[in-house]
Structure formats: C-alpha cells, structure tokens
Amino acid sequence: MKAESTLPPTADAALGWQVLQELARERSLLAALGTMQAHLGDVFRMSLPNFNPVVAVGPEANRAILVTEQARFRWRTETDPVTRLLRHGLLVEDGGSHHCLRRDMEPLLQRPQVMGHVESMWRYTDDVTAGWQGGATVDMLVEMRRVALLILVGTLFGVELGPRLDSLWPSILRLLEYIGPGLWIVWPSMPRPGYKRAIRTVDEYLYHMIRQRRQTGGSERDLLGHLVRQPHMSDALIRDQLLTMLIAGHDTSTALLAWTLYLLGRHPEIMAQVQAEVDAALGVTPPASAAQLAGLPLLDQVIKETLRLYPPIHVGNRQVHTDVQLQGYDVPAGTRLMVSIHLSHRHPAYWTEPERFCPARFDPEPARLRPPLTYLPFGGGPRYCIGAAFAQVEARTVLARLLQTFEFELVSEKVRPHMGATLEPRPGVFIRVRRRRDKHG
C-alpha cells in the first residue's frame, strides 16, 4: 500500500489573514513570503486562486534544486510571458538546447574577454554623467539604466545605442513591465496593452543589427559577431539570444547599481571609506585593468552585500518535471516551484543581523564559515548565470568611476523594493550629485 503523500505545509486561516495584512501594508509579496517562512519553515506552499506554487528557501533546498536533483526541474513554461518574449533564448531553454546555446555564448562572456571592455564601460558611464549638473538631483534608477543599456549594446553587440536610446526606451520599459510579476500569474490570457507594438519596435532594431553584421562579417570581439559566425545560428535564434541579454542583462545591472548607490547614500561613512579606497587605487586615472579593479576590496564587499540584501533576480522559477522530495516533503510533477533567493540571503540561521547593511560580513574569513548556496545572487550549479563575470566587472568599473568623479548625497530614504522583472528600488533613488572638482576646487 502506497504511503500517504506529505505535501509542504500551507497557511491556515489565521496565518492567511496575517499574510494578507502584510501584503496590504507592504504592497509587496516579499514580506508575506518572509512571514510564511517564519511560521511554516523553509519549504511551504502558497494557496491563491489559480496559483499554488511551492516556495523553497535555504542551502539544503537550493542544493537539491540547483545541483543534486536539477534534472527533475524545467525552466521553460510555455504560458509564461518570459517564454513568449524570449522564445528560444538561453534563459528559457532546457536540456541539450540550453547546453548548445551556452557553449556558443560562453566564450565571449568569460572574465578575460570581459576585461577587454573595461575602458568602454567607464567611457559610457562618462557619456551619461556628462549631463549631470552640479547640485542637481538625479534618479539613479533611470540613470543607471541608461549606463547599463549603453554598456551592454556597445560591448556585447558592438553597436552604439546612443542615437536610438530615446526612441527605444519606452518599448524596453514596456517589455520589462510585460514579464514582471502581475495578474498574468492567475490570468495567463489577460490582455497586455502596448506589448505587440513594443516587441515589434525592439525586434526591428535587433533584426536590422543582425542583417548589418552578416553583411559586414562577424567579429570575435563581441557576442553578436561571434554568433553570426556560427553556421547553425539563424537570424531568429540570434534574435532570441540578443533579446535575452538585452532584457535580462541590462535590467539586473540597473538594479544592482541603483541599490548600491542607495545603500552608500544611506551609509555615508562607508561611502567615504570606499571613495578613499578608489582614490588610493586609481587617483584620477579611470579603471582600466584587472589589477586596478582587484585593488578595491571594500568596494567588492559593498557590491556583494548589496546583492545579498537586494538580489536583482530575487526568485528562481521552475516547473517540477518529475516527482521530487524537498526536505522530506513530496512535490509532485507539474508543480510550480519558486526558489526564494531573497529569503535565502536573509535566513537568520546563516546570517547575523540579516536586515543590516554590513559589507564586512564578506571579509574572506567569515565568508568561509557559511555553507555553500546560502548566497547565490547569480544562481548555482550547471545553470549559474552566464553573465556573472560581465555583471561583476561592470559594477566595479561603473561604481569606481562614479565615486572617483562625484560626491553623492541621498535626498530621500523612502525607497521600497518593487518586484518587477528584477527587484528594483521604487519610486527611484534620488541623489544630489556634485563633481568632486567642483567641491574641492
């Protein structure tokens, strides 16, 4: 006789009411998930109309999902807007298809190749900041999106986006809105006004870029040039990879850069220490080498701590392909699974004062004491983020250049995490900027 299935626990009426109150007060699912974890443990179920995912938190569940049992899960869900948008992009492919795409793309995203883009990264940063007026207040969420878009398209696609940035901007934002969490979770067929026009605009740009590169010949210096040299890559398949990088690559960097500037603004004493480190390592010379970037350990710790508190990809979504057990609970095939990176990064069993901004927790010695997969801003296992090296080099380069050039003063601390395509600061990060030469003479 088959033993009775033990499903992950879900909220009773009292806890359900508390969760609804959290949702109403915080206007975010993050706090509600934290409340459920505190009461139900590291594996639990949500019970909403047409939406009953299992949520998994912590290193034990992360290891099973990302490493030891990863073959039991699928990334691709045909009804999700992410799949509809990216079609056959690397992010939404499984099995052999994912392996082949990763093999094609990875050589151009390894650290030695990325280091060749450092000069372009700080130059694009300078292009955006050239318009900042001394003493003006700017929204770093908007400005860092401009930086991230220019860098990604300029370095990985080998194309200057600047002349087209303003015309493409509304369509890119619409696509990010389209794939962000929303009513589509419980109503997959809901109308999405403006999406078709937005994707048509971005597709026209991408296909034009691909045609031009095929005419001029591929280059091994950037990802687009490398892809058009592959005989098995059709224009449509290249489009899917470019759009994956454009959407996922720039939006994660936007969130990381904006959150870092917000946290430094809230902690001016740490910002002063990082700025002194940048001055000592770089002087007035822009960052240009691996050695210079490696000479910024405090900045590195600040970036890691920002990724802990506000991981841009705060949840990983999977579909259970074959029945699996997670920490003694049965999770049947067909279940939607949410891997909460956000809660793993704030798990009180593994992080002291998890809500506090403390870059020193990433000193090498304390970091060695934490179990693997307690910290996974770029995922883990065979599907570790292909753009991790690019994102890390970009963040160090851009932030070093900004701190080298400007003084920053946070204008408003009223910022909350918004669950969009990434976890971004809303309503924005408003900072008063002043060029350091203006201040010091």
Protein backbone atom coordinates (compact mmCIF):
# COMPACT_ATOMS: atom_id res chain seq x y z
CA MET A 1 0.00 0.00 0.00
CA LYS A 2 1.39 3.37 -1.03
CA ALA A 3 2.22 5.73 1.83
CA GLU A 4 0.18 8.90 2.05
CA SER A 5 1.83 11.88 0.36
CA THR A 6 3.28 14.55 2.64
CA LEU A 7 2.85 17.87 0.88
CA PRO A 8 4.60 21.05 2.04
CA PRO A 9 2.59 22.98 4.65
CA THR A 10 0.42 25.95 3.77
CA ALA A 11 -1.11 28.79 5.78
CA ASP A 12 -4.15 28.18 7.97
CA ALA A 13 -6.86 30.82 8.30
CA ALA A 14 -5.04 32.83 10.98
CA LEU A 15 -1.73 32.88 9.15
CA GLY A 16 -3.50 33.57 5.87
CA TRP A 17 -5.10 36.67 7.38
CA GLN A 18 -1.71 37.82 8.68
CA VAL A 19 -0.18 37.33 5.22
CA LEU A 20 -2.98 39.37 3.61
CA GLN A 21 -2.31 42.15 6.11
CA GLU A 22 1.40 42.04 5.20
CA LEU A 23 0.50 42.32 1.52
CA ALA A 24 -1.76 45.30 2.14
CA ARG A 25 0.74 47.10 4.37
CA GLU A 26 3.97 46.45 2.47
CA ARG A 27 2.49 46.29 -1.06
CA SER A 28 4.99 43.51 -1.75
CA LEU A 29 4.95 39.74 -1.75
CA LEU A 30 8.42 39.70 -0.18
CA ALA A 31 7.25 40.47 3.36
CA ALA A 32 4.40 37.98 3.05
CA LEU A 33 6.78 35.23 1.97
CA GLY A 34 9.03 36.04 4.91
CA THR A 35 6.08 35.70 7.31
CA MET A 36 5.13 32.33 5.82
CA GLN A 37 8.69 31.04 6.07
CA ALA A 38 8.92 32.09 9.72
CA HIS A 39 5.79 30.08 10.54
CA LEU A 40 5.99 27.15 8.10
CA GLY A 41 9.70 26.51 7.57
CA ASP A 42 11.96 26.51 4.52
CA VAL A 43 9.60 24.62 2.19
CA PHE A 44 5.94 25.68 2.05
CA ARG A 45 3.01 26.16 -0.30
CA MET A 46 1.13 29.28 -1.27
CA SER A 47 -2.63 29.00 -1.79
CA LEU A 48 -4.03 31.67 -4.07
CA PRO A 49 -6.70 31.31 -6.79
CA ASN A 50 -5.05 29.52 -9.74
CA PHE A 51 -1.64 29.99 -8.12
CA ASN A 52 -0.31 27.31 -5.76
CA PRO A 53 3.47 27.28 -6.01
CA VAL A 54 5.84 25.62 -3.61
CA VAL A 55 8.41 28.06 -2.17
CA ALA A 56 11.87 26.79 -1.21
CA VAL A 57 14.44 28.62 0.94
CA GLY A 58 17.93 27.93 2.26
CA PRO A 59 21.03 25.95 1.30
CA GLU A 60 19.55 22.46 1.64
CA ALA A 61 16.69 23.15 -0.77
CA ASN A 62 18.95 25.22 -3.03
CA ARG A 63 21.42 22.35 -3.33
CA ALA A 64 18.69 19.89 -4.32
CA ILE A 65 17.08 22.19 -6.87
CA LEU A 66 20.22 23.64 -8.41
CA VAL A 67 22.62 20.69 -8.18
CA THR A 68 21.74 17.21 -6.97
CA GLU A 69 18.16 16.97 -8.32
CA GLN A 70 18.36 19.65 -11.01
CA ALA A 71 17.37 17.19 -13.79
CA ARG A 72 13.91 16.92 -12.20
CA PHE A 73 13.13 20.57 -12.91
CA ARG A 74 12.46 22.63 -16.03
CA TRP A 75 12.94 26.34 -16.66
CA ARG A 76 10.61 26.58 -19.64
CA THR A 77 6.89 27.19 -19.08
CA GLU A 78 5.08 27.86 -22.34
CA THR A 79 2.39 30.06 -20.82
CA ASP A 80 4.80 32.43 -19.05
CA PRO A 81 5.34 35.85 -20.63
CA VAL A 82 9.11 35.39 -20.26
CA THR A 83 8.98 32.39 -22.61
CA ARG A 84 6.67 34.16 -25.04
CA LEU A 85 9.04 37.12 -25.20
CA LEU A 86 12.39 35.32 -25.34
CA ARG A 87 11.10 32.36 -27.43
CA HIS A 88 14.24 30.21 -27.57
CA GLY A 89 16.60 32.40 -25.60
CA LEU A 90 19.16 30.75 -23.36
CA LEU A 91 17.26 31.68 -20.21
CA VAL A 92 14.13 29.66 -21.10
CA GLU A 93 15.69 26.61 -22.74
CA ASP A 94 16.32 23.23 -21.11
CA GLY A 95 18.47 20.17 -21.70
CA GLY A 96 20.53 19.85 -24.87
CA SER A 97 19.22 23.10 -26.35
CA HIS A 98 20.39 25.07 -23.34
CA HIS A 99 23.74 23.28 -23.34
CA CYS A 100 24.40 24.10 -27.00
CA LEU A 101 23.43 27.75 -26.65
CA ARG A 102 25.57 28.11 -23.55
CA ARG A 103 28.53 26.53 -25.37
CA ASP A 104 28.08 29.05 -28.21
CA MET A 105 27.83 32.12 -25.98
CA GLU A 106 30.08 31.42 -23.00
CA PRO A 107 33.47 32.12 -24.63
CA LEU A 108 32.55 35.79 -25.14
CA LEU A 109 31.36 36.20 -21.54
CA GLN A 110 34.34 34.82 -19.66
CA ARG A 111 36.33 37.17 -17.46
CA PRO A 112 39.40 37.63 -19.75
CA GLN A 113 37.13 38.69 -22.61
CA VAL A 114 35.02 40.92 -20.36
CA MET A 115 38.12 42.72 -19.07
CA GLY A 116 38.71 43.92 -22.62
CA HIS A 117 35.55 46.03 -22.27
CA VAL A 118 36.54 47.94 -19.12
CA GLU A 119 37.57 51.10 -20.97
CA SER A 120 34.26 51.14 -22.87
CA MET A 121 32.37 50.67 -19.61
CA TRP A 122 33.79 53.75 -17.95
CA ARG A 123 33.53 55.78 -21.15
CA TYR A 124 29.81 55.02 -21.43
CA THR A 125 29.48 55.98 -17.76
CA ASP A 126 31.12 59.31 -18.54
CA ASP A 127 28.76 59.80 -21.50
CA VAL A 128 25.72 59.54 -19.22
CA THR A 129 27.14 61.62 -16.37
CA ALA A 130 28.29 64.40 -18.71
CA GLY A 131 24.79 65.84 -18.48
CA TRP A 132 24.65 65.89 -14.69
CA GLN A 133 24.63 69.45 -13.38
CA GLY A 134 26.46 70.19 -10.12
CA GLY A 135 24.00 70.27 -7.23
CA ALA A 136 21.19 68.71 -9.29
CA THR A 137 19.11 65.78 -8.07
CA VAL A 138 19.04 62.79 -10.40
CA ASP A 139 17.19 59.48 -10.25
CA MET A 140 19.85 56.78 -10.22
CA LEU A 141 17.34 54.12 -11.25
CA VAL A 142 16.87 55.95 -14.54
CA GLU A 143 20.48 57.00 -14.98
CA MET A 144 21.94 53.58 -14.22
CA ARG A 145 19.53 52.05 -16.75
CA ARG A 146 20.98 54.38 -19.37
CA VAL A 147 24.51 53.35 -18.38
CA ALA A 148 23.66 49.64 -18.40
CA LEU A 149 21.94 49.78 -21.79
CA LEU A 150 24.78 51.69 -23.44
CA ILE A 151 27.36 49.32 -21.99
CA LEU A 152 25.56 46.11 -22.91
CA VAL A 153 24.74 47.05 -26.50
CA GLY A 154 28.08 48.77 -27.06
CA THR A 155 30.26 45.97 -25.72
CA LEU A 156 28.35 42.73 -26.40
CA PHE A 157 26.65 43.78 -29.64
CA GLY A 158 29.35 46.15 -30.91
CA VAL A 159 26.76 48.83 -31.73
CA GLU A 160 26.39 52.39 -30.46
CA LEU A 161 22.93 52.57 -28.94
CA GLY A 162 23.15 56.27 -28.08
CA PRO A 163 21.40 57.61 -31.22
CA ARG A 164 18.50 55.17 -30.73
CA LEU A 165 18.29 55.11 -26.95
CA ASP A 166 15.46 57.62 -26.54
CA SER A 167 13.32 56.05 -29.26
CA LEU A 168 13.77 52.50 -27.90
CA TRP A 169 13.44 53.46 -24.23
CA PRO A 170 9.58 53.26 -23.94
CA SER A 171 9.47 49.90 -25.71
CA ILE A 172 12.17 48.39 -23.48
CA LEU A 173 10.33 49.55 -20.35
CA ARG A 174 7.08 48.10 -21.69
CA LEU A 175 8.71 44.70 -22.24
CA LEU A 176 10.10 44.76 -18.68
CA GLU A 177 6.61 45.51 -17.41
CA TYR A 178 5.23 42.66 -19.53
CA ILE A 179 7.45 40.00 -17.93
CA GLY A 180 7.27 41.32 -14.37
CA PRO A 181 5.05 39.53 -11.82
CA GLY A 182 1.40 40.51 -12.10
CA LEU A 183 -2.09 39.27 -12.79
CA TRP A 184 -0.79 37.02 -15.59
CA ILE A 185 0.14 34.53 -12.84
CA VAL A 186 -3.55 33.80 -12.19
CA TRP A 187 -4.86 35.02 -15.56
CA PRO A 188 -2.37 33.92 -18.26
CA SER A 189 -4.56 35.16 -21.12
CA MET A 190 -5.01 38.67 -19.73
CA PRO A 191 -4.66 41.46 -22.31
CA ARG A 192 -1.32 43.29 -22.31
CA PRO A 193 -1.83 46.70 -23.98
CA GLY A 194 1.12 48.01 -25.94
CA TYR A 195 3.15 44.80 -25.82
CA LYS A 196 2.86 43.90 -29.51
CA ARG A 197 3.95 47.38 -30.60
CA ALA A 198 6.86 47.32 -28.15
CA ILE A 199 8.16 43.92 -29.27
CA ARG A 200 7.79 44.94 -32.92
CA THR A 201 9.90 48.04 -32.31
CA VAL A 202 12.66 46.14 -30.48
CA ASP A 203 12.60 43.25 -32.96
CA GLU A 204 13.04 45.63 -35.89
CA TYR A 205 16.11 47.06 -34.21
CA LEU A 206 17.60 43.65 -33.42
CA TYR A 207 16.98 42.13 -36.85
CA HIS A 208 18.43 45.22 -38.54
CA MET A 209 21.52 44.85 -36.37
CA ILE A 210 21.85 41.16 -37.30
CA ARG A 211 21.47 41.83 -41.05
CA GLN A 212 24.08 44.55 -40.95
CA ARG A 213 26.55 42.33 -39.13
CA ARG A 214 26.02 39.49 -41.60
CA GLN A 215 26.81 41.89 -44.43
CA THR A 216 29.96 43.27 -42.84
CA GLY A 217 31.16 39.93 -41.47
CA GLY A 218 31.31 38.54 -37.97
CA SER A 219 33.90 39.50 -35.42
CA GLU A 220 35.23 37.51 -32.50
CA ARG A 221 35.44 40.66 -30.38
CA ASP A 222 31.74 40.80 -29.41
CA LEU A 223 28.88 38.38 -28.84
CA LEU A 224 26.86 39.40 -31.89
CA GLY A 225 29.85 38.98 -34.20
CA HIS A 226 30.59 35.60 -32.68
CA LEU A 227 27.02 34.37 -33.10
CA VAL A 228 26.68 35.34 -36.77
CA ARG A 229 29.80 33.29 -37.46
CA GLN A 230 28.10 30.12 -36.21
CA PRO A 231 26.62 28.31 -39.23
CA HIS A 232 23.77 26.77 -37.24
CA MET A 233 22.52 30.09 -35.82
CA SER A 234 19.54 31.51 -37.72
CA ASP A 235 18.60 35.18 -37.53
CA ALA A 236 15.62 34.23 -35.34
CA LEU A 237 17.76 32.25 -32.91
CA ILE A 238 20.33 35.06 -32.71
CA ARG A 239 17.49 37.50 -32.08
CA ASP A 240 16.35 35.38 -29.12
CA GLN A 241 19.82 35.43 -27.55
CA LEU A 242 20.29 39.17 -28.12
CA LEU A 243 16.91 39.95 -26.60
CA THR A 244 17.69 37.69 -23.64
CA MET A 245 20.91 39.58 -23.00
CA LEU A 246 19.28 42.97 -23.63
CA ILE A 247 16.39 42.42 -21.23
CA ALA A 248 17.94 40.22 -18.54
CA GLY A 249 21.48 41.60 -18.75
CA HIS A 250 20.80 45.31 -18.54
CA ASP A 251 17.93 45.17 -16.04
CA THR A 252 19.89 43.19 -13.45
CA SER A 253 22.81 45.63 -13.71
CA THR A 254 20.43 48.58 -13.43
CA ALA A 255 19.02 47.25 -10.17
CA LEU A 256 22.44 46.39 -8.71
CA LEU A 257 23.95 49.80 -9.49
CA ALA A 258 20.91 51.74 -8.24
CA TRP A 259 20.64 49.74 -4.99
CA THR A 260 24.38 50.11 -4.33
CA LEU A 261 24.19 53.89 -4.67
CA TYR A 262 21.12 53.92 -2.43
CA LEU A 263 22.86 51.92 0.31
CA LEU A 264 26.01 54.03 0.10
CA GLY A 265 23.83 57.12 0.33
CA ARG A 266 22.21 55.76 3.49
CA HIS A 267 25.64 54.99 4.95
CA PRO A 268 27.84 57.99 4.11
CA GLU A 269 30.62 56.78 6.43
CA ILE A 270 31.02 53.63 4.32
CA MET A 271 30.79 55.67 1.12
CA ALA A 272 33.64 57.86 2.36
CA GLN A 273 35.75 54.76 3.04
CA VAL A 274 35.08 53.34 -0.42
CA GLN A 275 35.83 56.68 -2.02
CA ALA A 276 39.16 56.84 -0.19
CA GLU A 277 39.94 53.33 -1.42
CA VAL A 278 39.15 54.32 -5.00
CA ASP A 279 41.31 57.44 -4.71
CA ALA A 280 44.24 55.44 -3.36
CA ALA A 281 43.97 52.76 -6.05
CA LEU A 282 43.15 54.91 -9.07
CA GLY A 283 43.91 58.54 -8.35
CA VAL A 284 42.44 60.47 -11.27
CA THR A 285 43.06 57.65 -13.76
CA PRO A 286 39.94 55.72 -14.87
CA PRO A 287 39.93 51.98 -14.10
CA ALA A 288 41.49 50.07 -16.96
CA SER A 289 42.94 46.79 -15.72
CA ALA A 290 42.17 43.69 -13.69
CA ALA A 291 44.85 44.68 -11.18
CA GLN A 292 43.23 48.06 -10.53
CA LEU A 293 39.78 46.53 -10.03
CA ALA A 294 41.26 43.86 -7.75
CA GLY A 295 42.69 46.65 -5.60
CA LEU A 296 39.21 47.67 -4.44
CA PRO A 297 38.31 45.04 -1.80
CA LEU A 298 35.92 47.27 0.16
CA LEU A 299 34.01 48.19 -3.00
CA ASP A 300 33.81 44.49 -3.77
CA GLN A 301 32.36 43.80 -0.32
CA VAL A 302 29.81 46.61 -0.75
CA ILE A 303 28.67 45.13 -4.06
CA LYS A 304 28.36 41.64 -2.56
CA GLU A 305 26.40 42.93 0.42
CA THR A 306 24.07 44.86 -1.92
CA LEU A 307 23.48 41.65 -3.88
CA ARG A 308 22.71 39.88 -0.61
CA LEU A 309 20.12 42.40 0.55
CA TYR A 310 18.61 43.15 -2.86
CA PRO A 311 19.40 40.35 -5.34
CA PRO A 312 18.13 41.59 -8.72
CA ILE A 313 16.82 38.12 -9.54
CA HIS A 314 15.20 37.54 -6.18
CA VAL A 315 13.35 34.35 -7.10
CA GLY A 316 14.08 31.49 -9.48
CA ASN A 317 11.08 29.85 -11.13
CA ARG A 318 10.99 26.17 -12.05
CA GLN A 319 8.44 23.63 -13.17
CA VAL A 320 8.72 20.24 -11.45
CA HIS A 321 9.22 17.73 -14.28
CA THR A 322 9.21 14.52 -12.23
CA ASP A 323 8.10 13.92 -8.64
CA VAL A 324 10.72 15.05 -6.12
CA GLN A 325 11.20 15.29 -2.37
CA LEU A 326 12.42 18.51 -0.76
CA GLN A 327 13.39 18.29 2.90
CA GLY A 328 11.01 15.37 3.45
CA TYR A 329 8.06 16.89 1.59
CA ASP A 330 6.61 15.43 -1.62
CA VAL A 331 6.46 17.86 -4.54
CA PRO A 332 4.58 16.30 -7.47
CA ALA A 333 5.31 16.78 -11.16
CA GLY A 334 3.60 19.81 -12.64
CA THR A 335 4.09 21.96 -9.53
CA ARG A 336 5.39 25.46 -9.95
CA LEU A 337 8.44 25.97 -7.74
CA MET A 338 9.80 29.30 -6.52
CA VAL A 339 13.39 29.34 -5.23
CA SER A 340 13.50 32.39 -2.97
CA ILE A 341 16.97 33.86 -3.27
CA HIS A 342 15.81 36.90 -1.30
CA LEU A 343 14.82 34.81 1.74
CA SER A 344 17.92 32.62 1.48
CA HIS A 345 20.04 35.78 1.67
CA ARG A 346 18.23 36.88 4.85
CA HIS A 347 17.91 33.50 6.53
CA PRO A 348 18.53 34.09 10.27
CA ALA A 349 20.15 30.67 10.67
CA TYR A 350 23.01 31.67 8.37
CA TRP A 351 23.25 35.47 8.56
CA THR A 352 23.82 37.54 11.70
CA GLU A 353 21.50 40.59 11.77
CA PRO A 354 20.33 39.72 8.26
CA GLU A 355 18.46 43.01 7.70
CA ARG A 356 21.54 45.14 8.40
CA PHE A 357 23.83 46.51 5.68
CA CYS A 358 27.23 45.18 6.71
CA PRO A 359 29.84 44.83 3.93
CA ALA A 360 32.35 43.43 6.44
CA ARG A 361 30.42 40.14 6.51
CA PHE A 362 32.12 39.45 3.15
CA ASP A 363 35.61 39.55 4.62
CA PRO A 364 37.22 36.32 3.37
CA GLU A 365 37.37 34.59 6.75
CA PRO A 366 33.71 34.98 7.85
CA ALA A 367 32.54 34.12 4.33
CA ARG A 368 34.28 30.73 4.51
CA LEU A 369 32.18 29.73 7.52
CA ARG A 370 28.84 29.86 5.67
CA PRO A 371 27.52 26.71 4.00
CA PRO A 372 27.58 26.66 0.18
CA LEU A 373 24.46 28.03 -1.54
CA THR A 374 23.44 30.31 1.30
CA TYR A 375 24.49 33.13 -1.05
CA LEU A 376 23.51 32.80 -4.70
CA PRO A 377 22.92 36.16 -6.43
CA PHE A 378 23.88 34.52 -9.73
CA GLY A 379 22.24 31.16 -9.06
CA GLY A 380 24.28 27.99 -8.81
CA GLY A 381 25.01 24.63 -10.35
CA PRO A 382 25.08 23.97 -14.12
CA ARG A 383 22.84 26.97 -14.79
CA TYR A 384 24.99 29.50 -12.95
CA CYS A 385 24.36 32.89 -14.57
CA ILE A 386 26.29 33.09 -17.84
CA GLY A 387 26.66 36.86 -17.42
CA ALA A 388 28.01 36.81 -13.85
CA ALA A 389 31.57 37.82 -14.78
CA PHE A 390 30.29 40.61 -17.02
CA ALA A 391 27.98 41.94 -14.29
CA GLN A 392 30.69 41.91 -11.62
CA VAL A 393 33.30 43.67 -13.77
CA GLU A 394 30.71 46.19 -14.94
CA ALA A 395 29.56 47.01 -11.40
CA ARG A 396 33.11 47.53 -10.12
CA THR A 397 34.07 49.67 -13.12
CA VAL A 398 30.98 51.89 -13.15
CA LEU A 399 30.89 52.43 -9.39
CA ALA A 400 34.62 53.13 -9.19
CA ARG A 401 34.27 55.72 -11.94
CA LEU A 402 31.25 57.35 -10.30
CA LEU A 403 32.90 57.54 -6.88
CA GLN A 404 36.09 58.83 -8.45
CA THR A 405 34.19 61.65 -10.15
CA PHE A 406 31.25 62.63 -7.92
CA GLU A 407 30.10 63.32 -4.40
CA PHE A 408 26.67 61.82 -3.68
CA GLU A 409 24.01 62.86 -1.17
CA LEU A 410 20.85 60.77 -0.80
CA VAL A 411 17.81 63.05 -0.96
CA SER A 412 15.11 60.61 0.16
CA GLU A 413 15.34 57.33 2.07
CA LYS A 414 11.72 56.44 1.23
CA VAL A 415 12.54 53.58 -1.12
CA ARG A 416 10.92 50.15 -1.25
CA PRO A 417 11.80 47.02 -3.20
CA HIS A 418 9.49 46.51 -6.17
CA MET A 419 9.06 43.04 -7.67
CA GLY A 420 9.31 43.84 -11.36
CA ALA A 421 11.34 41.93 -13.90
CA THR A 422 14.06 42.42 -11.27
CA LEU A 423 13.95 43.63 -7.68
CA GLU A 424 14.31 47.36 -8.18
CA PRO A 425 14.11 50.42 -5.89
CA ARG A 426 10.87 52.37 -6.20
CA PRO A 427 9.94 55.12 -6.70
CA GLY A 428 13.61 55.67 -7.52
CA VAL A 429 16.95 56.55 -5.95
CA PHE A 430 17.08 60.34 -5.83
CA ILE A 431 20.58 61.61 -5.18
CA ARG A 432 22.12 65.10 -5.27
CA VAL A 433 25.33 65.00 -7.28
CA ARG A 434 28.34 67.30 -7.33
CA ARG A 435 31.52 66.84 -9.29
CA ARG A 436 34.42 66.44 -6.93
CA ARG A 437 36.49 69.08 -8.69
CA ASP A 438 33.54 71.48 -8.19
CA LYS A 439 33.61 70.79 -4.46
CA HIS A 440 37.33 70.70 -3.89
CA GLY A 441 38.38 73.31 -6.40
